[in-house]
Amino acid sequence: MRTDRHVVLVWIGLLALLPLMAGGVVVGDEAALLSLARAWDALHITAHEFFLRAPYAFHQMPWFIIVYSTQRLVGFVTHMALVTESVISTQTVAAGLAACAITYAWLVGRQDQDRARAALVMLGFFFGGYGLFIAFMGEAPECYMALLMAARLFAAEPSMGRQRAIALGLIDGALIVFKIYSVIFVGLMLPLFWQRADRSQQIAYGATVFAVATVVVVSKFSVWNPPAAYIQDLNPSAPAMLSRFFQQLISPWTGLAFCMPFVLILFLMPHPMWRNLAVKSAAIAGCMAFFSLYVFFDGDHPGGRYVFPFLIVLVPEIAAGFMMLTVRWPKAAFVVPLLLLVFLPVGLIGLPFYPGENMRTWDPNVPTTERCMPEHPALFAWKMFMGHVTGTHHVPVCLRGRKRVLDPDEAAIPHTGPGRVAFILAGGVPHDYAGAGSPHRAMSVHLRKFLVRVHLDSVVLWNFLTLLPPIVLLAWSLIAAILIARGSVPP
């Protein structure tokens, strides 16, 4: 009973951080989908006609439905654009935080992990690298996919019945609905399910996945109008594919092994788990091979958000490896607080890796032809973060293999709500606010005037609120590590 209460407290604690971690406005792909949702309302045309005109909305169908439904529901209460965007931003980040809480609940309730080790596994996995992009920044459908993959941990347990097989089928079907390339992951994971399921469970699961997949395929081909990038960015040459696969997996500045190092702890797991790991690794590698077909799936600008949700399937092996490590060397538990500290600024500033080439943030007087070794994302983020704190406007970096001099106030844009407020009060204008006539820019001006009027215009206060979530998570990890190092937590 104590465990149940503790899990509930973790749920409440993580979701209590939501107002501080949500962005407050939608940006990127989520902003594009909201614009399409408003356009559909203005056009007064059928769904079939709309999706023929807007292939991107159809490509992101489930995410578009969430955005469109939210926009309509909020519209019954208020027509303020800022409120609509705040709700959409909040629910996207909430999906990422719920994935964290579900994973923790599974570790405590199903893996019989003690609370300290369960907390460190969850924190190290979600906040020790790539996971920051999902949990802190949101604005991506991978938040919802991470939520599905966390729920899949419960549905994919060895002692499953027919109902759980159907639940697993629905979850795998939902993954395919969100991103059709998930069929690669689902197909390659099938041997793990098949070996432990009886005939009735196999039929229940197969029928569920087949039904969902059929609906997806029929829908895709009935309104097939793929975005131009499907063809233009396809580059299936073997050398290019190998290069992109290398970047995603073991590149020192964008690869999984360096940008999510906590995963490597799974290699310390007991030998009986290696067969499962081989199947799971093949499923993840299959998705990464598909990503390698396209020039934009290179692990650089978007980081690891495409592959991150599928990595949640490795949590059992990571937890087992972490248990073996900390039983033998209890002080090794401090590796998690260290990782959280290393990657802390990644989630506090703009994009988690490198800003795009279209951002005119570098000094035009500095030559851009000189080659250099790209920096690790954490190093890049710390340089931008410290430059922003110290007021340095010319920070030398290596951006996409070229030497650049960036202005941190332009390149390092906070994505959390309090961070945006502090940035605006300090005189900054986020890029997604900067367009002429942009309603975001007008809203930022009104917000600044309002905060000055109510005496809440302290930049120090809003910067503290920005740092509060990572401070809380870092403190949690330190307390858990100290308990394990002292031997207060039995293995």
Foldseek 3Di string as FASTA:
>chain_A
DVLVVVLVVLLVVLLVLLQFQFQLAADDPLVVLLVLLVVCVVVVDDPLVSCLVPVVCVQQVVLSVVLNVLQVVVVVVPPDNSVSRRVSRSVQLSLQSLLLSLQLSCCVPPVVDPNLLSLLLSLLQLQLFPNLCRNRFGNDCLSNLLSLLSVLSVLLDLPHDQVSLLVNLQSLLVNCSRPVLSVLLVVLLVVSSVVRDDPSSVVNSVVSNVVSVVVSVVVCVVSPDHPPQVPPFFDQDPVQLVQLLCQCDPDCAQHCCNRSVLLVLLVQADPVCVVVVVSLVSSLSSSSSVLSRGPVSRRAQQGNSVSSSSCSVCSVSSSRSSVSVCVVPLLVLCVSLVSSVLQVLLSFWDHSAFDDPPQPFFDPVDDFPQFDRADHSSVVSVQLVVCVVVVPQFGWGQGPGTITTGGSLAGTQGSTHLSNLLSLLVPGAHPQRPDVPRVSVVVSVVVCVVCVVVVNSDSVVSVCSNCVVSVVSSVSSVVSSVCSNVVVDPD
